[in-house]
């Protein structure tokens, strides 16, 4: 993969609790703070946004995974302490902002999540162990969720007196429907692997020891197909539920004409 000077360097990533590996067309982002169960702070989300902005053009598949015994415990609880995490704004400092400033701060955090929906990429959450709160929303930000049989999803925010605010509510409703999404969030309960597969949260469930190989095989299968066709199909599927049948048919044939013309130039 062509290197990109726009990517954050290793020191910046380490400070944010992340590592990044580029292997051909596959970029692997690892939540890498296992001593804290990969708990995240705003610096994590800002670094994720920087990765999204700086990925080389030849990146086609992005894998997001966690080091150690869990995907991530979610928000680092030090954010809720008076002093906050070292070198970052804590909850009390955020409260000193105006409402608009506070909302803008959260919008910057959300940028670390929403880029994973880009049509030119297929994004895979490789999830094992706990995926709580912000981590659940990070998994939801990805197109596909391949999970180990020990996975435990939880939208913990309502139990803390908060709402999920990292762009996770829309993909959750898209995955499981409004009523089930409300029940999962309002109870802040845990969703295990069997249920995750049954309700559409998990794309695949595999034994923990097979997780790495399964994700690698899935990435290989995606890369075996024409990039323009995969990204075009993703774009169609993303908008399908918001369009009428006639509008979706029109989008399909418009996309197909362009791809067929491009394909004809290879004959």
C-alpha atoms as a PDB file:
ATOM      1  CA  UNK A   1       0.000   0.000   0.000  1.00  0.00           C
ATOM      2  CA  UNK A   2       1.233   3.453  -0.866  1.00  0.00           C
ATOM      3  CA  UNK A   3       2.240   5.312   2.309  1.00  0.00           C
ATOM      4  CA  UNK A   4       0.387   8.496   3.146  1.00  0.00           C
ATOM      5  CA  UNK A   5       1.940  11.470   4.872  1.00  0.00           C
ATOM      6  CA  UNK A   6      -1.555  12.420   6.026  1.00  0.00           C
ATOM      7  CA  UNK A   7      -1.758   9.539   8.468  1.00  0.00           C
ATOM      8  CA  UNK A   8      -0.982  10.173  12.145  1.00  0.00           C
ATOM      9  CA  UNK A   9       2.431   8.833  13.108  1.00  0.00           C
ATOM     10  CA  UNK A  10       3.016   5.918  15.478  1.00  0.00           C
ATOM     11  CA  UNK A  11       3.591   8.166  18.499  1.00  0.00           C
ATOM     12  CA  UNK A  12       0.354  10.041  17.897  1.00  0.00           C
ATOM     13  CA  UNK A  13      -1.516   6.756  17.534  1.00  0.00           C
ATOM     14  CA  UNK A  14       0.097   5.266  20.640  1.00  0.00           C
ATOM     15  CA  UNK A  15      -0.943   8.285  22.693  1.00  0.00           C
ATOM     16  CA  UNK A  16      -4.505   7.754  21.470  1.00  0.00           C
ATOM     17  CA  UNK A  17      -4.446   4.031  22.274  1.00  0.00           C
ATOM     18  CA  UNK A  18      -4.325   2.873  18.662  1.00  0.00           C
ATOM     19  CA  UNK A  19      -2.095   1.085  16.189  1.00  0.00           C
ATOM     20  CA  UNK A  20      -2.453   1.003  12.409  1.00  0.00           C
ATOM     21  CA  UNK A  21      -1.163  -1.668  10.031  1.00  0.00           C
ATOM     22  CA  UNK A  22      -1.302  -1.338   6.236  1.00  0.00           C
ATOM     23  CA  UNK A  23      -1.081  -4.581   4.256  1.00  0.00           C
ATOM     24  CA  UNK A  24      -1.866  -4.275   0.585  1.00  0.00           C
ATOM     25  CA  UNK A  25      -5.402  -2.959   0.277  1.00  0.00           C
ATOM     26  CA  UNK A  26      -6.276  -3.837   3.892  1.00  0.00           C
ATOM     27  CA  UNK A  27      -5.900  -1.335   6.735  1.00  0.00           C
ATOM     28  CA  UNK A  28      -6.158  -2.766  10.255  1.00  0.00           C
ATOM     29  CA  UNK A  29      -6.881  -0.412  13.128  1.00  0.00           C
ATOM     30  CA  UNK A  30      -6.314  -1.901  16.573  1.00  0.00           C
ATOM     31  CA  UNK A  31      -7.635  -0.459  19.808  1.00  0.00           C
ATOM     32  CA  UNK A  32      -4.433  -1.023  21.722  1.00  0.00           C
ATOM     33  CA  UNK A  33      -4.747  -0.185  25.388  1.00  0.00           C
ATOM     34  CA  UNK A  34      -5.313  -3.691  26.744  1.00  0.00           C
ATOM     35  CA  UNK A  35      -4.321  -2.779  30.297  1.00  0.00           C
ATOM     36  CA  UNK A  36      -7.475  -0.618  30.363  1.00  0.00           C
ATOM     37  CA  UNK A  37      -9.562  -3.009  28.268  1.00  0.00           C
ATOM     38  CA  UNK A  38      -9.004  -0.630  25.324  1.00  0.00           C
ATOM     39  CA  UNK A  39     -11.053   2.130  26.940  1.00  0.00           C
ATOM     40  CA  UNK A  40     -11.343   5.163  24.670  1.00  0.00           C
ATOM     41  CA  UNK A  41     -10.996   8.904  25.182  1.00  0.00           C
ATOM     42  CA  UNK A  42     -11.676  11.809  22.798  1.00  0.00           C
ATOM     43  CA  UNK A  43      -8.076  11.556  21.580  1.00  0.00           C
ATOM     44  CA  UNK A  44      -8.930   8.050  20.334  1.00  0.00           C
ATOM     45  CA  UNK A  45     -11.863   9.350  18.320  1.00  0.00           C
ATOM     46  CA  UNK A  46      -9.901  12.258  16.911  1.00  0.00           C
ATOM     47  CA  UNK A  47      -7.098   9.911  15.849  1.00  0.00           C
ATOM     48  CA  UNK A  48      -9.650   7.609  14.206  1.00  0.00           C
ATOM     49  CA  UNK A  49     -10.900  10.599  12.209  1.00  0.00           C
ATOM     50  CA  UNK A  50      -7.310  11.394  11.189  1.00  0.00           C
ATOM     51  CA  UNK A  51      -6.831   7.824   9.988  1.00  0.00           C
ATOM     52  CA  UNK A  52      -9.983   8.064   7.894  1.00  0.00           C
ATOM     53  CA  UNK A  53      -8.854  11.341   6.345  1.00  0.00           C
ATOM     54  CA  UNK A  54      -5.327  10.107   5.672  1.00  0.00           C
ATOM     55  CA  UNK A  55      -5.867   6.590   4.338  1.00  0.00           C
ATOM     56  CA  UNK A  56      -4.122   5.984   1.022  1.00  0.00           C
ATOM     57  CA  UNK A  57      -6.305   5.763  -2.060  1.00  0.00           C
ATOM     58  CA  UNK A  58      -5.573   2.073  -2.532  1.00  0.00           C
ATOM     59  CA  UNK A  59      -7.125   1.115   0.821  1.00  0.00           C
ATOM     60  CA  UNK A  60     -10.264  -0.925   0.130  1.00  0.00           C
ATOM     61  CA  UNK A  61     -10.969  -2.874   3.342  1.00  0.00           C
ATOM     62  CA  UNK A  62     -10.649  -1.533   6.881  1.00  0.00           C
ATOM     63  CA  UNK A  63     -10.640  -3.892   9.862  1.00  0.00           C
ATOM     64  CA  UNK A  64     -11.226  -2.513  13.367  1.00  0.00           C
ATOM     65  CA  UNK A  65     -10.254  -4.810  16.222  1.00  0.00           C
ATOM     66  CA  UNK A  66      -9.151  -4.779  19.858  1.00  0.00           C
ATOM     67  CA  UNK A  67      -5.991  -6.032  21.555  1.00  0.00           C
ATOM     68  CA  UNK A  68      -6.072  -8.298  24.588  1.00  0.00           C
ATOM     69  CA  UNK A  69      -9.157  -9.782  26.169  1.00  0.00           C
ATOM     70  CA  UNK A  70     -11.834  -7.462  24.795  1.00  0.00           C
ATOM     71  CA  UNK A  71     -12.733  -5.271  21.849  1.00  0.00           C
ATOM     72  CA  UNK A  72     -13.228  -2.304  24.168  1.00  0.00           C
ATOM     73  CA  UNK A  73     -14.838  -1.353  27.463  1.00  0.00           C
ATOM     74  CA  UNK A  74     -15.973   1.879  25.810  1.00  0.00           C
ATOM     75  CA  UNK A  75     -15.509   5.307  27.345  1.00  0.00           C
ATOM     76  CA  UNK A  76     -12.558   5.655  29.699  1.00  0.00           C
ATOM     77  CA  UNK A  77     -14.254   6.390  33.015  1.00  0.00           C
ATOM     78  CA  UNK A  78     -11.580   8.959  33.798  1.00  0.00           C
ATOM     79  CA  UNK A  79     -13.544  11.215  31.426  1.00  0.00           C
ATOM     80  CA  UNK A  80     -16.184  11.469  34.145  1.00  0.00           C
ATOM     81  CA  UNK A  81     -13.699  12.384  36.886  1.00  0.00           C
ATOM     82  CA  UNK A  82     -13.099  16.031  37.894  1.00  0.00           C
ATOM     83  CA  UNK A  83      -9.659  16.170  36.243  1.00  0.00           C
ATOM     84  CA  UNK A  84     -10.412  14.012  33.210  1.00  0.00           C
ATOM     85  CA  UNK A  85      -7.802  11.938  31.345  1.00  0.00           C
ATOM     86  CA  UNK A  86      -4.243  13.339  31.362  1.00  0.00           C
ATOM     87  CA  UNK A  87      -3.892  15.998  28.684  1.00  0.00           C
ATOM     88  CA  UNK A  88      -7.565  15.955  27.671  1.00  0.00           C
ATOM     89  CA  UNK A  89     -10.775  17.741  28.501  1.00  0.00           C
ATOM     90  CA  UNK A  90     -12.763  16.045  31.244  1.00  0.00           C
ATOM     91  CA  UNK A  91     -16.507  16.166  31.755  1.00  0.00           C
ATOM     92  CA  UNK A  92     -16.377  19.202  34.030  1.00  0.00           C
ATOM     93  CA  UNK A  93     -14.307  21.190  31.546  1.00  0.00           C
ATOM     94  CA  UNK A  94     -16.734  20.315  28.775  1.00  0.00           C
ATOM     95  CA  UNK A  95     -19.578  21.631  30.912  1.00  0.00           C
ATOM     96  CA  UNK A  96     -17.920  25.054  30.952  1.00  0.00           C
ATOM     97  CA  UNK A  97     -18.565  25.344  27.199  1.00  0.00           C
ATOM     98  CA  UNK A  98     -21.674  26.917  25.723  1.00  0.00           C
ATOM     99  CA  UNK A  99     -24.238  24.451  24.407  1.00  0.00           C
ATOM    100  CA  UNK A 100     -23.154  25.123  20.818  1.00  0.00           C
ATOM    101  CA  UNK A 101     -19.473  24.657  21.680  1.00  0.00           C
ATOM    102  CA  UNK A 102     -20.254  21.435  23.512  1.00  0.00           C
ATOM    103  CA  UNK A 103     -22.273  20.135  20.554  1.00  0.00           C
ATOM    104  CA  UNK A 104     -19.428  21.042  18.181  1.00  0.00           C
ATOM    105  CA  UNK A 105     -17.022  19.097  20.386  1.00  0.00           C
ATOM    106  CA  UNK A 106     -19.223  16.018  20.159  1.00  0.00           C
ATOM    107  CA  UNK A 107     -19.497  16.506  16.390  1.00  0.00           C
ATOM    108  CA  UNK A 108     -15.691  16.291  16.193  1.00  0.00           C
ATOM    109  CA  UNK A 109     -15.801  13.029  18.166  1.00  0.00           C
ATOM    110  CA  UNK A 110     -18.421  11.628  15.770  1.00  0.00           C
ATOM    111  CA  UNK A 111     -16.075  12.156  12.828  1.00  0.00           C
ATOM    112  CA  UNK A 112     -13.998   9.262  14.144  1.00  0.00           C
ATOM    113  CA  UNK A 113     -16.956   6.965  13.470  1.00  0.00           C
ATOM    114  CA  UNK A 114     -18.884   8.185  10.434  1.00  0.00           C
ATOM    115  CA  UNK A 115     -16.051   7.861   7.892  1.00  0.00           C
ATOM    116  CA  UNK A 116     -16.293   4.084   8.254  1.00  0.00           C
ATOM    117  CA  UNK A 117     -19.480   4.249   6.157  1.00  0.00           C
ATOM    118  CA  UNK A 118     -17.659   5.676   3.113  1.00  0.00           C
ATOM    119  CA  UNK A 119     -18.799   3.874  -0.065  1.00  0.00           C
ATOM    120  CA  UNK A 120     -15.226   3.425  -1.334  1.00  0.00           C
ATOM    121  CA  UNK A 121     -14.383   1.207   1.667  1.00  0.00           C
ATOM    122  CA  UNK A 122     -15.780  -1.986   3.143  1.00  0.00           C
ATOM    123  CA  UNK A 123     -15.303  -1.826   6.891  1.00  0.00           C
ATOM    124  CA  UNK A 124     -15.276  -4.822   9.226  1.00  0.00           C
ATOM    125  CA  UNK A 125     -15.546  -4.764  13.006  1.00  0.00           C
ATOM    126  CA  UNK A 126     -13.695  -7.798  14.402  1.00  0.00           C
ATOM    127  CA  UNK A 127     -15.225  -8.046  17.862  1.00  0.00           C
ATOM    128  CA  UNK A 128     -14.427 -10.289  20.809  1.00  0.00           C
ATOM    129  CA  UNK A 129     -15.251  -9.990  24.481  1.00  0.00           C
ATOM    130  CA  UNK A 130     -16.869  -6.787  25.661  1.00  0.00           C
ATOM    131  CA  UNK A 131     -17.990  -4.011  23.269  1.00  0.00           C
ATOM    132  CA  UNK A 132     -19.604  -1.463  25.548  1.00  0.00           C
ATOM    133  CA  UNK A 133     -21.039   1.983  24.854  1.00  0.00           C
ATOM    134  CA  UNK A 134     -18.686   3.857  22.552  1.00  0.00           C
ATOM    135  CA  UNK A 135     -17.182   0.524  21.492  1.00  0.00           C
ATOM    136  CA  UNK A 136     -20.607  -0.829  20.552  1.00  0.00           C
ATOM    137  CA  UNK A 137     -21.110   2.307  18.473  1.00  0.00           C
ATOM    138  CA  UNK A 138     -17.721   1.842  16.820  1.00  0.00           C
ATOM    139  CA  UNK A 139     -18.705  -1.694  15.833  1.00  0.00           C
ATOM    140  CA  UNK A 140     -22.031  -0.374  14.532  1.00  0.00           C
ATOM    141  CA  UNK A 141     -20.185   2.221  12.435  1.00  0.00           C
ATOM    142  CA  UNK A 142     -18.635  -0.607  10.398  1.00  0.00           C
ATOM    143  CA  UNK A 143     -20.425  -2.292   7.505  1.00  0.00           C
ATOM    144  CA  UNK A 144     -19.900  -5.822   8.796  1.00  0.00           C
ATOM    145  CA  UNK A 145     -19.480  -7.251  12.295  1.00  0.00           C
ATOM    146  CA  UNK A 146     -17.642 -10.543  12.614  1.00  0.00           C
ATOM    147  CA  UNK A 147     -17.810 -11.571  16.249  1.00  0.00           C
ATOM    148  CA  UNK A 148     -16.386 -14.226  18.499  1.00  0.00           C
ATOM    149  CA  UNK A 149     -18.674 -16.493  20.450  1.00  0.00           C
ATOM    150  CA  UNK A 150     -17.711 -14.686  23.670  1.00  0.00           C
ATOM    151  CA  UNK A 151     -18.903 -11.252  22.516  1.00  0.00           C
ATOM    152  CA  UNK A 152     -20.989  -9.046  24.802  1.00  0.00           C
ATOM    153  CA  UNK A 153     -22.510  -5.886  23.293  1.00  0.00           C
ATOM    154  CA  UNK A 154     -23.972  -3.252  25.610  1.00  0.00           C
ATOM    155  CA  UNK A 155     -25.254   0.293  25.041  1.00  0.00           C
ATOM    156  CA  UNK A 156     -24.353   1.507  28.510  1.00  0.00           C
ATOM    157  CA  UNK A 157     -25.022   5.237  28.113  1.00  0.00           C
ATOM    158  CA  UNK A 158     -28.607   5.285  29.486  1.00  0.00           C
ATOM    159  CA  UNK A 159     -27.361   3.570  32.663  1.00  0.00           C
ATOM    160  CA  UNK A 160     -25.005   6.536  33.091  1.00  0.00           C
ATOM    161  CA  UNK A 161     -27.764   9.096  32.497  1.00  0.00           C
ATOM    162  CA  UNK A 162     -26.616   9.760  28.922  1.00  0.00           C
ATOM    163  CA  UNK A 163     -27.685   8.962  25.355  1.00  0.00           C
ATOM    164  CA  UNK A 164     -25.583   7.205  22.696  1.00  0.00           C
ATOM    165  CA  UNK A 165     -24.043  10.159  20.852  1.00  0.00           C
ATOM    166  CA  UNK A 166     -21.312   8.737  18.634  1.00  0.00           C
ATOM    167  CA  UNK A 167     -23.507   8.181  15.559  1.00  0.00           C
ATOM    168  CA  UNK A 168     -24.584   4.719  16.722  1.00  0.00           C
ATOM    169  CA  UNK A 169     -28.352   5.063  16.955  1.00  0.00           C
ATOM    170  CA  UNK A 170     -29.107   5.059  13.213  1.00  0.00           C
ATOM    171  CA  UNK A 171     -27.061   1.939  12.347  1.00  0.00           C
ATOM    172  CA  UNK A 172     -28.496   0.165  15.387  1.00  0.00           C
ATOM    173  CA  UNK A 173     -32.052   0.808  14.204  1.00  0.00           C
ATOM    174  CA  UNK A 174     -31.051  -0.208  10.668  1.00  0.00           C
ATOM    175  CA  UNK A 175     -29.624  -3.473  11.996  1.00  0.00           C
ATOM    176  CA  UNK A 176     -32.308  -4.583  14.456  1.00  0.00           C
ATOM    177  CA  UNK A 177     -35.340  -2.308  14.013  1.00  0.00           C
ATOM    178  CA  UNK A 178     -36.712   0.461  16.217  1.00  0.00           C
ATOM    179  CA  UNK A 179     -38.366  -1.611  18.937  1.00  0.00           C
ATOM    180  CA  UNK A 180     -35.408  -3.923  19.543  1.00  0.00           C
ATOM    181  CA  UNK A 181     -32.974  -0.999  19.400  1.00  0.00           C
ATOM    182  CA  UNK A 182     -35.001   0.860  22.013  1.00  0.00           C
ATOM    183  CA  UNK A 183     -35.168  -2.196  24.266  1.00  0.00           C
ATOM    184  CA  UNK A 184     -31.399  -2.785  24.034  1.00  0.00           C
ATOM    185  CA  UNK A 185     -30.608   0.854  24.817  1.00  0.00           C
ATOM    186  CA  UNK A 186     -33.284   1.534  27.425  1.00  0.00           C
ATOM    187  CA  UNK A 187     -32.358  -1.541  29.479  1.00  0.00           C
ATOM    188  CA  UNK A 188     -28.576  -1.188  28.920  1.00  0.00           C
ATOM    189  CA  UNK A 189     -28.457  -4.980  28.930  1.00  0.00           C
ATOM    190  CA  UNK A 190     -25.861  -7.248  27.358  1.00  0.00           C
ATOM    191  CA  UNK A 191     -26.387  -8.922  23.989  1.00  0.00           C
ATOM    192  CA  UNK A 192     -24.388 -12.104  23.484  1.00  0.00           C
ATOM    193  CA  UNK A 193     -23.236 -13.761  20.295  1.00  0.00           C
ATOM    194  CA  UNK A 194     -26.222 -16.046  19.702  1.00  0.00           C
ATOM    195  CA  UNK A 195     -28.726 -13.212  20.039  1.00  0.00           C
ATOM    196  CA  UNK A 196     -26.520 -10.838  18.032  1.00  0.00           C
ATOM    197  CA  UNK A 197     -26.632 -13.254  15.115  1.00  0.00           C
ATOM    198  CA  UNK A 198     -30.370 -13.833  15.463  1.00  0.00           C
ATOM    199  CA  UNK A 199     -31.338 -10.136  15.438  1.00  0.00           C
ATOM    200  CA  UNK A 200     -28.917  -8.992  12.742  1.00  0.00           C
ATOM    201  CA  UNK A 201     -26.217  -7.330  14.840  1.00  0.00           C
ATOM    202  CA  UNK A 202     -23.595  -9.895  13.874  1.00  0.00           C
ATOM    203  CA  UNK A 203     -22.754 -10.768  10.280  1.00  0.00           C
ATOM    204  CA  UNK A 204     -20.876 -13.894  11.358  1.00  0.00           C
ATOM    205  CA  UNK A 205     -20.249 -15.608  14.697  1.00  0.00           C
ATOM    206  CA  UNK A 206     -17.209 -17.855  15.017  1.00  0.00           C
ATOM    207  CA  UNK A 207     -15.182 -19.443  17.810  1.00  0.00           C
ATOM    208  CA  UNK A 208     -12.707 -16.995  19.313  1.00  0.00           C
ATOM    209  CA  UNK A 209      -9.710 -18.917  17.963  1.00  0.00           C
ATOM    210  CA  UNK A 210     -11.081 -18.650  14.398  1.00  0.00           C
ATOM    211  CA  UNK A 211     -11.771 -14.903  14.467  1.00  0.00           C
ATOM    212  CA  UNK A 212      -8.540 -13.676  12.847  1.00  0.00           C
ATOM    213  CA  UNK A 213      -8.669 -16.233  10.039  1.00  0.00           C
ATOM    214  CA  UNK A 214     -12.359 -15.619   9.345  1.00  0.00           C
ATOM    215  CA  UNK A 215     -11.873 -11.878   8.999  1.00  0.00           C
ATOM    216  CA  UNK A 216      -8.824 -12.388   6.784  1.00  0.00           C
ATOM    217  CA  UNK A 217     -10.833 -14.733   4.532  1.00  0.00           C
ATOM    218  CA  UNK A 218     -13.688 -12.228   4.356  1.00  0.00           C
ATOM    219  CA  UNK A 219     -11.345  -9.401   3.401  1.00  0.00           C
ATOM    220  CA  UNK A 220      -9.770 -11.610   0.709  1.00  0.00           C
ATOM    221  CA  UNK A 221     -13.211 -12.476  -0.703  1.00  0.00           C
ATOM    222  CA  UNK A 222     -14.147  -8.784  -0.903  1.00  0.00           C
ATOM    223  CA  UNK A 223     -10.880  -7.865  -2.601  1.00  0.00           C
ATOM    224  CA  UNK A 224     -11.402 -10.600  -5.192  1.00  0.00           C
ATOM    225  CA  UNK A 225     -14.140  -8.504  -6.796  1.00  0.00           C
ATOM    226  CA  UNK A 226     -13.916  -5.281  -8.797  1.00  0.00           C
ATOM    227  CA  UNK A 227     -13.557  -2.316  -6.481  1.00  0.00           C
ATOM    228  CA  UNK A 228     -15.863  -0.060  -8.481  1.00  0.00           C
ATOM    229  CA  UNK A 229     -18.570  -2.721  -8.448  1.00  0.00           C
ATOM    230  CA  UNK A 230     -18.278  -3.295  -4.698  1.00  0.00           C
ATOM    231  CA  UNK A 231     -18.292   0.410  -3.844  1.00  0.00           C
ATOM    232  CA  UNK A 232     -21.142   1.044  -6.271  1.00  0.00           C
ATOM    233  CA  UNK A 233     -23.179  -1.741  -4.719  1.00  0.00           C
ATOM    234  CA  UNK A 234     -22.475  -0.445  -1.214  1.00  0.00           C
ATOM    235  CA  UNK A 235     -23.664   3.015  -2.221  1.00  0.00           C
ATOM    236  CA  UNK A 236     -26.880   1.542  -3.640  1.00  0.00           C
ATOM    237  CA  UNK A 237     -27.581  -0.538  -0.543  1.00  0.00           C
ATOM    238  CA  UNK A 238     -26.907   2.362   1.824  1.00  0.00           C
ATOM    239  CA  UNK A 239     -29.649   4.475   0.234  1.00  0.00           C
ATOM    240  CA  UNK A 240     -32.117   1.688  -0.566  1.00  0.00           C
ATOM    241  CA  UNK A 241     -34.281   2.046   2.548  1.00  0.00           C
ATOM    242  CA  UNK A 242     -34.649   5.806   2.019  1.00  0.00           C
ATOM    243  CA  UNK A 243     -35.667   5.609  -1.654  1.00  0.00           C
ATOM    244  CA  UNK A 244     -38.852   4.580  -3.386  1.00  0.00           C
ATOM    245  CA  UNK A 245     -38.630   1.528  -5.625  1.00  0.00           C
ATOM    246  CA  UNK A 246     -38.664   3.747  -8.712  1.00  0.00           C
ATOM    247  CA  UNK A 247     -35.864   5.927  -7.354  1.00  0.00           C
ATOM    248  CA  UNK A 248     -33.810   2.882  -6.411  1.00  0.00           C
ATOM    249  CA  UNK A 249     -34.309   1.344  -9.856  1.00  0.00           C
ATOM    250  CA  UNK A 250     -33.145   4.617 -11.402  1.00  0.00           C
ATOM    251  CA  UNK A 251     -30.038   4.656  -9.197  1.00  0.00           C
ATOM    252  CA  UNK A 252     -29.259   1.047 -10.140  1.00  0.00           C
ATOM    253  CA  UNK A 253     -29.425   1.613 -13.866  1.00  0.00           C
ATOM    254  CA  UNK A 254     -27.468   4.865 -13.652  1.00  0.00           C
ATOM    255  CA  UNK A 255     -24.686   3.112 -11.764  1.00  0.00           C
ATOM    256  CA  UNK A 256     -24.772   0.151 -14.150  1.00  0.00           C
ATOM    257  CA  UNK A 257     -24.428   2.269 -17.280  1.00  0.00           C
ATOM    258  CA  UNK A 258     -21.276   3.860 -15.912  1.00  0.00           C
ATOM    259  CA  UNK A 259     -19.763   0.534 -14.907  1.00  0.00           C
ATOM    260  CA  UNK A 260     -20.588  -1.110 -18.245  1.00  0.00           C
ATOM    261  CA  UNK A 261     -18.991   1.768 -20.159  1.00  0.00           C
ATOM    262  CA  UNK A 262     -15.883   1.474 -17.983  1.00  0.00           C
ATOM    263  CA  UNK A 263     -15.835  -2.295 -18.476  1.00  0.00           C
ATOM    264  CA  UNK A 264     -16.108  -1.928 -22.262  1.00  0.00           C
ATOM    265  CA  UNK A 265     -12.837  -0.035 -22.348  1.00  0.00           C
ATOM    266  CA  UNK A 266     -11.039  -3.181 -21.095  1.00  0.00           C
ATOM    267  CA  UNK A 267     -12.148  -5.339 -24.037  1.00  0.00           C
END
